[in-house]
Structures are given as structure tokens and as C-alpha cells.
C-alpha atoms as a PDB file:
ATOM      1  CA  UNK A   1      15.442 104.530 184.748  1.00  0.00           C
ATOM      2  CA  UNK A   2      14.358 101.092 185.923  1.00  0.00           C
ATOM      3  CA  UNK A   3      11.063 102.446 187.254  1.00  0.00           C
ATOM      4  CA  UNK A   4      10.488 104.220 183.944  1.00  0.00           C
ATOM      5  CA  UNK A   5      11.099 100.978 182.005  1.00  0.00           C
ATOM      6  CA  UNK A   6       8.788  99.055 184.340  1.00  0.00           C
ATOM      7  CA  UNK A   7       6.145 101.745 183.844  1.00  0.00           C
ATOM      8  CA  UNK A   8       6.465 101.411 180.066  1.00  0.00           C
ATOM      9  CA  UNK A   9       6.242  97.637 180.355  1.00  0.00           C
ATOM     10  CA  UNK A  10       3.054  97.925 182.408  1.00  0.00           C
ATOM     11  CA  UNK A  11       1.565 100.365 179.887  1.00  0.00           C
ATOM     12  CA  UNK A  12       2.428  97.955 177.073  1.00  0.00           C
ATOM     13  CA  UNK A  13       0.505  95.209 178.860  1.00  0.00           C
ATOM     14  CA  UNK A  14      -2.495  97.478 179.368  1.00  0.00           C
ATOM     15  CA  UNK A  15      -2.536  98.906 175.838  1.00  0.00           C
ATOM     16  CA  UNK A  16      -1.942  95.694 173.875  1.00  0.00           C
ATOM     17  CA  UNK A  17      -3.371  93.134 176.330  1.00  0.00           C
ATOM     18  CA  UNK A  18      -0.198  91.133 175.702  1.00  0.00           C
ATOM     19  CA  UNK A  19       2.938  90.820 177.769  1.00  0.00           C
ATOM     20  CA  UNK A  20       6.409  91.903 176.689  1.00  0.00           C
ATOM     21  CA  UNK A  21       7.641  88.392 175.740  1.00  0.00           C
ATOM     22  CA  UNK A  22       4.584  87.929 173.509  1.00  0.00           C
ATOM     23  CA  UNK A  23       5.259  91.256 171.825  1.00  0.00           C
ATOM     24  CA  UNK A  24       8.933  90.361 171.359  1.00  0.00           C
ATOM     25  CA  UNK A  25       7.830  87.074 169.804  1.00  0.00           C
ATOM     26  CA  UNK A  26       5.742  88.962 167.264  1.00  0.00           C
ATOM     27  CA  UNK A  27       8.395  91.533 166.349  1.00  0.00           C
ATOM     28  CA  UNK A  28      11.788  89.800 166.588  1.00  0.00           C
ATOM     29  CA  UNK A  29      13.232  86.736 164.947  1.00  0.00           C
ATOM     30  CA  UNK A  30      13.708  83.467 166.820  1.00  0.00           C
ATOM     31  CA  UNK A  31      17.423  83.997 167.468  1.00  0.00           C
ATOM     32  CA  UNK A  32      16.886  87.459 168.961  1.00  0.00           C
ATOM     33  CA  UNK A  33      14.085  86.117 171.173  1.00  0.00           C
ATOM     34  CA  UNK A  34      16.329  83.347 172.500  1.00  0.00           C
ATOM     35  CA  UNK A  35      19.014  85.942 173.209  1.00  0.00           C
ATOM     36  CA  UNK A  36      16.521  88.119 175.124  1.00  0.00           C
ATOM     37  CA  UNK A  37      15.180  85.069 176.965  1.00  0.00           C
ATOM     38  CA  UNK A  38      18.656  83.940 178.017  1.00  0.00           C
ATOM     39  CA  UNK A  39      19.540  87.341 179.448  1.00  0.00           C
ATOM     40  CA  UNK A  40      16.179  87.666 181.200  1.00  0.00           C
ATOM     41  CA  UNK A  41      16.770  84.271 182.834  1.00  0.00           C
ATOM     42  CA  UNK A  42      20.312  85.236 183.857  1.00  0.00           C
ATOM     43  CA  UNK A  43      18.978  88.497 185.328  1.00  0.00           C
ATOM     44  CA  UNK A  44      16.272  86.628 187.233  1.00  0.00           C
ATOM     45  CA  UNK A  45      18.782  84.110 188.585  1.00  0.00           C
ATOM     46  CA  UNK A  46      21.206  86.837 189.651  1.00  0.00           C
ATOM     47  CA  UNK A  47      18.421  88.755 191.371  1.00  0.00           C
ATOM     48  CA  UNK A  48      17.107  85.651 193.124  1.00  0.00           C
ATOM     49  CA  UNK A  49      20.606  84.784 194.298  1.00  0.00           C
ATOM     50  CA  UNK A  50      21.108  88.330 195.629  1.00  0.00           C
ATOM     51  CA  UNK A  51      17.778  88.187 197.472  1.00  0.00           C
ATOM     52  CA  UNK A  52      18.572  84.771 198.958  1.00  0.00           C
ATOM     53  CA  UNK A  53      22.029  85.876 200.102  1.00  0.00           C
ATOM     54  CA  UNK A  54      20.570  89.114 201.468  1.00  0.00           C
ATOM     55  CA  UNK A  55      17.997  87.202 203.526  1.00  0.00           C
ATOM     56  CA  UNK A  56      20.654  84.797 204.769  1.00  0.00           C
ATOM     57  CA  UNK A  57      23.006  87.612 205.783  1.00  0.00           C
ATOM     58  CA  UNK A  58      20.090  89.471 207.370  1.00  0.00           C
ATOM     59  CA  UNK A  59      19.277  86.506 209.637  1.00  0.00           C
ATOM     60  CA  UNK A  60      22.959  86.155 210.471  1.00  0.00           C
ATOM     61  CA  UNK A  61      23.470  89.834 211.303  1.00  0.00           C
ATOM     62  CA  UNK A  62      20.163  90.451 213.084  1.00  0.00           C
ATOM     63  CA  UNK A  63      19.783  87.261 215.068  1.00  0.00           C
ATOM     64  CA  UNK A  64      23.287  85.758 215.134  1.00  0.00           C
ATOM     65  CA  UNK A  65      22.111  82.573 213.410  1.00  0.00           C
ATOM     66  CA  UNK A  66      25.044  80.673 211.862  1.00  0.00           C
ATOM     67  CA  UNK A  67      25.184  81.175 208.092  1.00  0.00           C
ATOM     68  CA  UNK A  68      24.333  77.563 207.198  1.00  0.00           C
ATOM     69  CA  UNK A  69      21.170  77.646 209.321  1.00  0.00           C
ATOM     70  CA  UNK A  70      20.317  81.156 208.145  1.00  0.00           C
ATOM     71  CA  UNK A  71      20.572  79.858 204.548  1.00  0.00           C
ATOM     72  CA  UNK A  72      18.324  76.899 205.335  1.00  0.00           C
ATOM     73  CA  UNK A  73      15.828  79.199 207.071  1.00  0.00           C
ATOM     74  CA  UNK A  74      15.844  81.566 204.077  1.00  0.00           C
ATOM     75  CA  UNK A  75      15.242  78.650 201.705  1.00  0.00           C
ATOM     76  CA  UNK A  76      12.390  77.329 203.860  1.00  0.00           C
ATOM     77  CA  UNK A  77      10.713  80.752 203.951  1.00  0.00           C
ATOM     78  CA  UNK A  78      11.055  81.054 200.167  1.00  0.00           C
ATOM     79  CA  UNK A  79       9.371  77.676 199.688  1.00  0.00           C
ATOM     80  CA  UNK A  80       6.575  78.635 202.094  1.00  0.00           C
ATOM     81  CA  UNK A  81       5.918  81.835 200.134  1.00  0.00           C
ATOM     82  CA  UNK A  82       5.968  79.871 196.863  1.00  0.00           C
ATOM     83  CA  UNK A  83       3.514  77.357 198.370  1.00  0.00           C
ATOM     84  CA  UNK A  84       1.008  80.150 198.938  1.00  0.00           C
ATOM     85  CA  UNK A  85       1.103  80.922 195.220  1.00  0.00           C
ATOM     86  CA  UNK A  86      -1.362  78.073 194.754  1.00  0.00           C
ATOM     87  CA  UNK A  87      -3.977  80.333 196.387  1.00  0.00           C
ATOM     88  CA  UNK A  88      -3.442  83.040 193.807  1.00  0.00           C
ATOM     89  CA  UNK A  89      -1.152  85.922 192.995  1.00  0.00           C
ATOM     90  CA  UNK A  90      -3.002  88.251 195.381  1.00  0.00           C
ATOM     91  CA  UNK A  91      -2.033  86.122 198.396  1.00  0.00           C
ATOM     92  CA  UNK A  92       1.645  86.257 197.423  1.00  0.00           C
ATOM     93  CA  UNK A  93       1.372  90.013 196.890  1.00  0.00           C
ATOM     94  CA  UNK A  94      -0.100  90.407 200.397  1.00  0.00           C
ATOM     95  CA  UNK A  95       2.761  88.374 201.894  1.00  0.00           C
ATOM     96  CA  UNK A  96       5.410  90.371 200.008  1.00  0.00           C
ATOM     97  CA  UNK A  97       3.720  93.665 200.910  1.00  0.00           C
ATOM     98  CA  UNK A  98       3.685  92.620 204.572  1.00  0.00           C
ATOM     99  CA  UNK A  99       7.405  91.821 204.447  1.00  0.00           C
ATOM    100  CA  UNK A 100       8.102  95.191 202.824  1.00  0.00           C
ATOM    101  CA  UNK A 101       6.036  96.809 205.589  1.00  0.00           C
ATOM    102  CA  UNK A 102       8.236  95.161 208.221  1.00  0.00           C
ATOM    103  CA  UNK A 103      11.343  96.494 206.458  1.00  0.00           C
ATOM    104  CA  UNK A 104       9.817  99.996 206.290  1.00  0.00           C
ATOM    105  CA  UNK A 105       8.959  99.941 209.995  1.00  0.00           C
ATOM    106  CA  UNK A 106      12.502  98.798 210.777  1.00  0.00           C
ATOM    107  CA  UNK A 107      13.902 101.592 208.627  1.00  0.00           C
ATOM    108  CA  UNK A 108      11.757 104.210 210.370  1.00  0.00           C
ATOM    109  CA  UNK A 109      12.734 102.923 213.819  1.00  0.00           C
ATOM    110  CA  UNK A 110      16.407 102.945 212.785  1.00  0.00           C
ATOM    111  CA  UNK A 111      16.084 106.515 211.488  1.00  0.00           C
ATOM    112  CA  UNK A 112      14.524 107.670 214.759  1.00  0.00           C
ATOM    113  CA  UNK A 113      17.110 105.878 216.916  1.00  0.00           C
ATOM    114  CA  UNK A 114      20.046 107.251 214.911  1.00  0.00           C
ATOM    115  CA  UNK A 115      18.882 110.831 215.578  1.00  0.00           C
ATOM    116  CA  UNK A 116      19.952 112.393 212.288  1.00  0.00           C
ATOM    117  CA  UNK A 117      20.155 116.114 211.600  1.00  0.00           C
ATOM    118  CA  UNK A 118      16.679 116.455 210.072  1.00  0.00           C
ATOM    119  CA  UNK A 119      17.557 119.688 208.278  1.00  0.00           C
ATOM    120  CA  UNK A 120      20.356 117.843 206.461  1.00  0.00           C
ATOM    121  CA  UNK A 121      18.011 114.913 205.723  1.00  0.00           C
ATOM    122  CA  UNK A 122      15.505 117.314 204.177  1.00  0.00           C
ATOM    123  CA  UNK A 123      18.173 119.138 202.191  1.00  0.00           C
ATOM    124  CA  UNK A 124      19.730 115.976 200.781  1.00  0.00           C
ATOM    125  CA  UNK A 125      16.341 114.477 200.025  1.00  0.00           C
ATOM    126  CA  UNK A 126      15.827 117.361 197.609  1.00  0.00           C
ATOM    127  CA  UNK A 127      19.472 117.827 196.550  1.00  0.00           C
ATOM    128  CA  UNK A 128      21.355 114.509 196.620  1.00  0.00           C
ATOM    129  CA  UNK A 129      25.119 114.603 196.982  1.00  0.00           C
ATOM    130  CA  UNK A 130      28.020 112.175 196.892  1.00  0.00           C
ATOM    131  CA  UNK A 131      30.661 113.540 199.256  1.00  0.00           C
ATOM    132  CA  UNK A 132      33.400 111.035 198.337  1.00  0.00           C
ATOM    133  CA  UNK A 133      34.198 108.665 195.500  1.00  0.00           C
ATOM    134  CA  UNK A 134      33.467 105.793 197.892  1.00  0.00           C
ATOM    135  CA  UNK A 135      29.880 107.083 198.228  1.00  0.00           C
ATOM    136  CA  UNK A 136      29.470 106.701 194.464  1.00  0.00           C
ATOM    137  CA  UNK A 137      30.309 102.993 194.711  1.00  0.00           C
ATOM    138  CA  UNK A 138      27.822 102.576 197.542  1.00  0.00           C
ATOM    139  CA  UNK A 139      25.105 104.364 195.541  1.00  0.00           C
ATOM    140  CA  UNK A 140      25.756 102.258 192.437  1.00  0.00           C
ATOM    141  CA  UNK A 141      25.717  99.111 194.575  1.00  0.00           C
ATOM    142  CA  UNK A 142      22.358 100.071 196.079  1.00  0.00           C
ATOM    143  CA  UNK A 143      20.885 100.691 192.648  1.00  0.00           C
ATOM    144  CA  UNK A 144      22.305  97.405 191.380  1.00  0.00           C
ATOM    145  CA  UNK A 145      20.810  95.579 194.339  1.00  0.00           C
ATOM    146  CA  UNK A 146      17.320  96.975 193.768  1.00  0.00           C
ATOM    147  CA  UNK A 147      16.929  96.962 189.994  1.00  0.00           C
ATOM    148  CA  UNK A 148      15.426  93.690 188.824  1.00  0.00           C
ATOM    149  CA  UNK A 149      15.675  93.329 185.041  1.00  0.00           C
ATOM    150  CA  UNK A 150      13.276  90.407 184.780  1.00  0.00           C
ATOM    151  CA  UNK A 151      10.505  92.504 186.350  1.00  0.00           C
ATOM    152  CA  UNK A 152      10.357  94.511 183.131  1.00  0.00           C
ATOM    153  CA  UNK A 153       8.916  91.372 181.543  1.00  0.00           C
ATOM    154  CA  UNK A 154       6.795  90.568 184.574  1.00  0.00           C
ATOM    155  CA  UNK A 155       4.985  93.916 184.878  1.00  0.00           C
ATOM    156  CA  UNK A 156       3.480  93.652 181.407  1.00  0.00           C
ATOM    157  CA  UNK A 157       1.770  90.422 182.539  1.00  0.00           C
ATOM    158  CA  UNK A 158       0.798  91.402 186.087  1.00  0.00           C
ATOM    159  CA  UNK A 159      -1.171  94.485 185.029  1.00  0.00           C
ATOM    160  CA  UNK A 160      -3.403  92.382 182.809  1.00  0.00           C
ATOM    161  CA  UNK A 161      -5.083  90.780 185.834  1.00  0.00           C
ATOM    162  CA  UNK A 162      -6.122  94.277 186.946  1.00  0.00           C
ATOM    163  CA  UNK A 163      -7.041  95.603 183.528  1.00  0.00           C
ATOM    164  CA  UNK A 164     -10.803  95.167 183.709  1.00  0.00           C
ATOM    165  CA  UNK A 165     -11.872  98.095 181.536  1.00  0.00           C
ATOM    166  CA  UNK A 166     -10.965  97.063 177.983  1.00  0.00           C
ATOM    167  CA  UNK A 167     -12.162 100.301 176.357  1.00  0.00           C
ATOM    168  CA  UNK A 168      -9.695 102.861 175.037  1.00  0.00           C
ATOM    169  CA  UNK A 169     -10.812 105.396 177.678  1.00  0.00           C
ATOM    170  CA  UNK A 170     -10.489 102.811 180.429  1.00  0.00           C
ATOM    171  CA  UNK A 171      -6.971 101.935 179.283  1.00  0.00           C
ATOM    172  CA  UNK A 172      -5.972 105.608 179.230  1.00  0.00           C
ATOM    173  CA  UNK A 173      -7.092 106.008 182.846  1.00  0.00           C
ATOM    174  CA  UNK A 174      -5.206 102.924 184.067  1.00  0.00           C
END
């Protein structure tokens, strides 16, 4: 559902050449816009906090760094990434994509080392299952950890930097 909403947000940015907050400003009253803004900010803060804590715990679990130092290291890395934003959004996207690539490589290595039953992996890729009620909580937690509500606002702005063909046909193909 989150991917679908982000897709719609991106399409809104392409079709109207405005971002979602601008469109909300045109269509809702001031009080409603402040309400939406407040919840978008709370969502962004909660997501940022989860990402910071996740990085801190990752350093602690992977490298045995004490939590206080892992937190300081996470904060320093965040500031370094934010520093590179001065060179443009593309540079930050390359850094983030590289970090995601490292996570993907780690995931693949972990999958190979754990030697799963590949037939079962294939089956449950096509037909997901939740064998216990505890698995449901884990699945909901994973979804909650990956859905970022503020990105719905962000996607409508980010696509505009790539929307070079302003014709109707060009917008349909984007």
C-alpha cells in the first residue's frame, strides 16, 4: 500500500508539476494543512529516530562497539551524508544507493551461508505464509520499520527534477 501511495504521489508531481504539499495548500483550508504538516513532521521524526537507532544497534551488534560510541558514529555518518547534500541531490542518492547495495550484498551472503531449503524459499516467495501468531507481529513490525510516511510528500517533489519532457505524451511515458 505504501509503494502504491508513493507511486501516486510521484505521478501527481509529474502530472501537475507541483508537489503534494503545494496541492494540499491549494485544496484544503489552513487548519487542515497544519494538521497534515504536523503529522508529516511526526512521521519524519519517528522514521529518522528508527533509522538512527537501527544504525546504532547495527554497529553494536556487528562490530561490538559500545552503544554510546555506536550512537556517536551513527550521528557522525549522518552529518557526513548531509554535508554532501551541498553538492546536489544526485550525490546523496549515490551515497544512499551504495549503502543499500552493501545491505543487499550482506543479505545475499547471509542467505547463502544459512543454506535454506531453496524449494521452500521459492514456494513462500510466491505464496507467503504466517505459521504462528508471533510471525504476524514480526511481519507487521517489518512493514512498520520500512514504511516512511513523509516520503509520500517527498516523492512528488523528487520526480520533478527528472521530469524533463513537459508534454502530455512525455508525462504519460514517465
